[in-house]
Protein backbone atom coordinates (compact mmCIF):
# COMPACT_ATOMS: atom_id res chain seq x y z
CA MET A 1 -68.02 -56.61 -77.13
CA ARG A 2 -65.45 -54.55 -75.05
CA ARG A 3 -63.51 -53.44 -78.05
CA SER A 4 -63.54 -53.89 -81.74
CA SER A 5 -60.60 -55.17 -83.46
CA ARG A 6 -60.17 -51.92 -85.42
CA GLU A 7 -60.11 -49.94 -81.89
CA SER A 8 -57.50 -52.49 -80.43
CA LEU A 9 -55.28 -52.19 -83.53
CA GLY A 10 -55.58 -48.26 -83.43
CA SER A 11 -54.69 -48.21 -79.71
CA ARG A 12 -51.28 -49.76 -80.11
CA PRO A 13 -48.25 -47.61 -80.31
CA GLY A 14 -47.11 -47.26 -83.90
CA ALA A 15 -50.43 -48.55 -85.25
CA SER A 16 -51.46 -46.84 -88.50
CA ARG A 17 -54.91 -46.40 -89.72
CA GLY A 18 -53.69 -45.24 -93.18
CA GLY A 19 -53.09 -48.71 -94.39
CA SER A 20 -50.25 -50.93 -93.96
CA SER A 21 -47.26 -52.05 -96.21
CA ALA A 22 -47.76 -55.89 -95.96
CA THR A 23 -50.08 -58.56 -94.70
CA ALA A 24 -49.86 -62.05 -93.60
CA SER A 25 -52.19 -64.97 -93.13
CA ALA A 26 -52.52 -66.96 -90.03
CA GLU A 27 -52.11 -70.29 -91.99
CA PRO A 28 -49.51 -72.65 -90.68
CA GLY A 29 -45.93 -71.96 -92.42
CA VAL A 30 -46.07 -68.34 -92.13
CA GLY A 31 -43.02 -68.44 -89.93
CA SER A 32 -42.11 -65.84 -87.18
CA LEU A 33 -44.16 -62.52 -87.51
CA GLY A 34 -41.90 -60.65 -85.27
CA ARG A 35 -38.37 -59.75 -84.97
CA SER A 36 -36.13 -58.85 -81.88
CA PRO A 37 -35.80 -54.99 -81.72
CA LYS A 38 -32.41 -53.59 -81.51
CA GLY A 39 -31.60 -52.36 -78.11
CA ALA A 40 -29.60 -49.17 -77.41
CA ASN A 41 -26.22 -50.76 -77.47
CA GLY A 42 -26.89 -52.21 -80.96
CA GLY A 43 -27.50 -55.69 -79.54
CA GLY A 44 -30.70 -57.80 -78.75
CA ALA A 45 -33.76 -56.18 -77.34
CA ASP A 46 -33.95 -54.19 -74.24
CA ALA A 47 -36.18 -55.29 -71.43
CA VAL A 48 -38.90 -52.65 -72.13
CA ALA A 49 -38.98 -53.21 -75.94
CA LEU A 50 -39.42 -57.01 -75.23
CA ALA A 51 -42.26 -56.20 -72.72
CA ASP A 52 -43.87 -53.96 -75.36
CA GLU A 53 -43.74 -56.77 -78.00
CA LEU A 54 -45.06 -59.52 -75.61
CA ALA A 55 -47.74 -57.28 -74.59
CA ARG A 56 -48.93 -56.75 -78.31
CA VAL A 57 -48.84 -60.65 -78.77
CA ARG A 58 -50.78 -61.12 -75.61
CA ASP A 59 -53.39 -58.76 -76.83
CA ASP A 60 -53.58 -60.46 -80.14
CA LEU A 61 -53.98 -63.77 -78.42
CA ARG A 62 -56.93 -62.59 -76.39
CA GLU A 63 -58.72 -60.91 -79.44
CA LEU A 64 -58.22 -64.08 -81.34
CA TRP A 65 -59.84 -65.94 -78.58
CA ARG A 66 -62.69 -63.56 -78.38
CA ARG A 67 -63.20 -63.98 -82.21
CA LEU A 68 -63.18 -67.75 -81.67
CA VAL A 69 -66.12 -67.30 -79.10
CA PHE A 70 -67.84 -64.94 -81.54
CA SER A 71 -67.61 -67.32 -84.39
CA LEU A 72 -69.05 -70.12 -82.48
CA LEU A 73 -71.90 -68.10 -80.83
CA ALA A 74 -72.83 -66.16 -84.25
CA SER A 75 -72.53 -69.42 -86.15
CA ASN A 76 -69.50 -68.12 -88.30
CA TYR A 77 -69.01 -71.62 -89.82
CA ASP A 78 -66.97 -70.31 -92.54
CA ASP A 79 -64.14 -69.35 -90.06
CA HIS A 80 -60.81 -70.74 -91.43
CA LEU A 81 -57.30 -69.81 -90.92
CA ARG A 82 -56.97 -67.60 -94.09
CA ASN A 83 -59.75 -65.36 -92.44
CA HIS A 84 -57.32 -64.20 -89.75
CA GLY A 85 -54.62 -62.14 -90.91
CA PHE A 86 -51.78 -59.92 -89.66
CA LEU A 87 -50.71 -56.25 -90.85
CA MET A 88 -47.21 -55.06 -90.84
CA HIS A 89 -46.98 -51.60 -89.24
CA SER A 90 -43.20 -51.18 -89.79
CA PRO A 91 -40.75 -53.73 -90.62
CA GLY A 92 -41.08 -56.83 -88.35
CA ARG A 93 -43.82 -55.14 -86.42
CA TRP A 94 -46.88 -57.30 -87.00
CA ALA A 95 -50.38 -57.17 -85.35
CA LEU A 96 -53.59 -58.95 -85.81
CA SER A 97 -55.72 -57.40 -88.61
CA PRO A 98 -59.38 -56.05 -87.89
CA ALA A 99 -61.81 -59.10 -88.09
CA TYR A 100 -63.14 -59.83 -91.49
CA ASP A 101 -65.35 -62.13 -93.58
CA LEU A 102 -67.81 -62.93 -90.58
CA ASN A 103 -70.91 -64.51 -91.95
CA PRO A 104 -73.59 -66.01 -89.69
CA ILE A 105 -74.96 -69.32 -91.12
CA PRO A 106 -78.48 -70.65 -90.61
CA GLU A 107 -78.70 -74.18 -89.48
CA ILE A 108 -80.04 -75.29 -92.95
CA ASP A 109 -76.65 -74.23 -94.53
CA ARG A 110 -74.32 -75.21 -91.96
CA THR A 111 -73.75 -79.00 -93.25
CA LEU A 112 -72.13 -77.73 -96.17
CA THR A 113 -69.68 -75.32 -94.52
CA PRO A 114 -66.32 -76.16 -93.14
CA LYS A 115 -65.15 -74.90 -89.61
CA THR A 116 -61.85 -74.52 -88.14
CA PRO A 117 -61.14 -76.98 -85.12
CA ILE A 118 -60.74 -75.41 -81.89
CA ALA A 119 -57.58 -77.43 -81.25
CA GLU A 120 -55.54 -79.80 -83.13
CA ASP A 121 -56.36 -82.58 -80.82
CA ARG A 122 -60.17 -82.49 -80.82
CA ASP A 123 -62.82 -82.32 -83.38
CA GLU A 124 -65.72 -81.37 -80.60
CA VAL A 125 -67.04 -77.96 -81.21
CA SER A 126 -68.28 -76.59 -77.86
CA ILE A 127 -67.98 -73.66 -75.41
CA ALA A 128 -66.60 -75.83 -72.81
CA ALA A 129 -63.86 -77.07 -75.20
CA THR A 130 -63.23 -73.24 -75.91
CA ILE A 131 -62.72 -72.50 -72.25
CA GLU A 132 -60.37 -75.44 -71.80
CA VAL A 133 -57.96 -74.00 -74.59
CA ALA A 134 -58.17 -70.43 -73.31
CA PRO A 135 -54.85 -70.76 -71.31
CA ARG A 136 -52.97 -71.41 -74.67
CA PHE A 137 -54.19 -67.90 -75.49
CA GLY A 138 -52.84 -66.37 -72.19
CA ILE A 139 -56.19 -66.26 -70.84
CA LYS A 140 -57.25 -67.68 -67.20
CA ALA A 141 -60.49 -69.07 -66.43
CA ARG A 142 -61.92 -66.16 -64.79
CA GLU A 143 -61.17 -63.74 -67.69
CA ALA A 144 -62.37 -66.39 -70.21
CA LYS A 145 -65.68 -66.30 -68.48
CA ALA A 146 -65.87 -62.63 -68.48
CA ILE A 147 -64.97 -62.50 -72.20
CA LEU A 148 -67.79 -65.24 -72.89
CA ARG A 149 -70.27 -62.97 -71.01
CA GLU A 150 -69.40 -59.95 -73.18
CA VAL A 151 -69.54 -61.81 -76.38
CA LEU A 152 -72.67 -63.77 -75.39
CA ALA A 153 -74.33 -60.38 -74.43
CA ALA A 154 -73.41 -58.73 -77.90
CA VAL A 155 -74.43 -61.67 -79.91
CA SER A 156 -77.76 -62.13 -77.77
CA GLY A 157 -78.96 -58.70 -79.02
CA TRP A 158 -78.94 -59.54 -82.54
CA ARG A 159 -82.58 -59.44 -83.32
CA LYS A 160 -82.95 -55.97 -81.69
CA THR A 161 -79.65 -54.78 -83.71
CA GLY A 162 -81.43 -56.17 -86.83
CA ARG A 163 -84.65 -54.33 -86.41
CA GLY A 164 -82.66 -51.16 -85.70
CA LEU A 165 -81.09 -51.58 -89.02
CA ARG A 166 -84.56 -52.07 -90.75
CA ILE A 167 -83.74 -55.68 -91.54
CA LYS A 168 -87.22 -57.45 -92.46
CA ALA A 169 -88.64 -59.63 -90.01
CA SER A 170 -88.80 -62.65 -92.44
CA THR A 171 -85.02 -62.11 -93.02
CA LEU A 172 -84.39 -62.10 -89.31
CA ASP A 173 -86.37 -65.29 -88.84
CA ALA A 174 -84.35 -66.98 -91.59
CA TYR A 175 -81.33 -66.38 -89.78
CA SER A 176 -82.70 -67.15 -86.24
CA THR A 177 -80.87 -70.51 -86.09
CA ALA A 178 -77.63 -68.73 -86.50
CA PHE A 179 -78.00 -66.97 -83.22
CA GLU A 180 -80.45 -69.22 -81.31
CA HIS A 181 -78.81 -72.55 -80.90
CA PRO A 182 -77.42 -75.07 -78.27
CA LEU A 183 -74.18 -73.36 -78.02
CA ILE A 184 -75.75 -70.23 -76.93
CA GLU A 185 -77.42 -72.33 -74.03
CA GLU A 186 -74.07 -73.75 -73.13
CA ALA A 187 -72.46 -70.46 -73.11
CA ARG A 188 -75.15 -69.18 -70.69
CA GLU A 189 -74.68 -71.95 -68.39
CA LEU A 190 -70.73 -71.79 -68.46
CA SER A 191 -70.48 -67.94 -68.23
CA GLN A 192 -72.20 -68.06 -64.69
């Protein structure tokens, strides 16, 4: 992938690696995660502060969509809204937390595991559906395909990475259906 969540978090102005004072879940009902920064005149936000805040939100939306694609391609079927959190870096300054609780699930175990729907109006889980909702994350079709290609390249190298980590061949074989499945083929076709 182009960057890790930790790298993207650390590259933001005001981001802290030394921990945070608060966290929040992505579950519905959390409410507004941001606040309007005060302008020099003590009133509302100035244009630059507003642009900075919107850029952070835009980056978080893109990262969230990238994680959605990764979860589908790596069979992270235990993906739910409580696995997406936010960190408060200063009062009212929230950012998407680093990714956590990512677990590839082989096909044999998938029927027992819930998954987060891609959108509220569809039960279908597909790469095409994920690309369709990309604009809701502020991502145009061309960028969505570029991100899809990046994530696909990273996930496709899973076996080589596993061997490099000295994971036994029998363990890699047991997890093969988590990384070799129809959504991978669909991603290859749609990322062209």
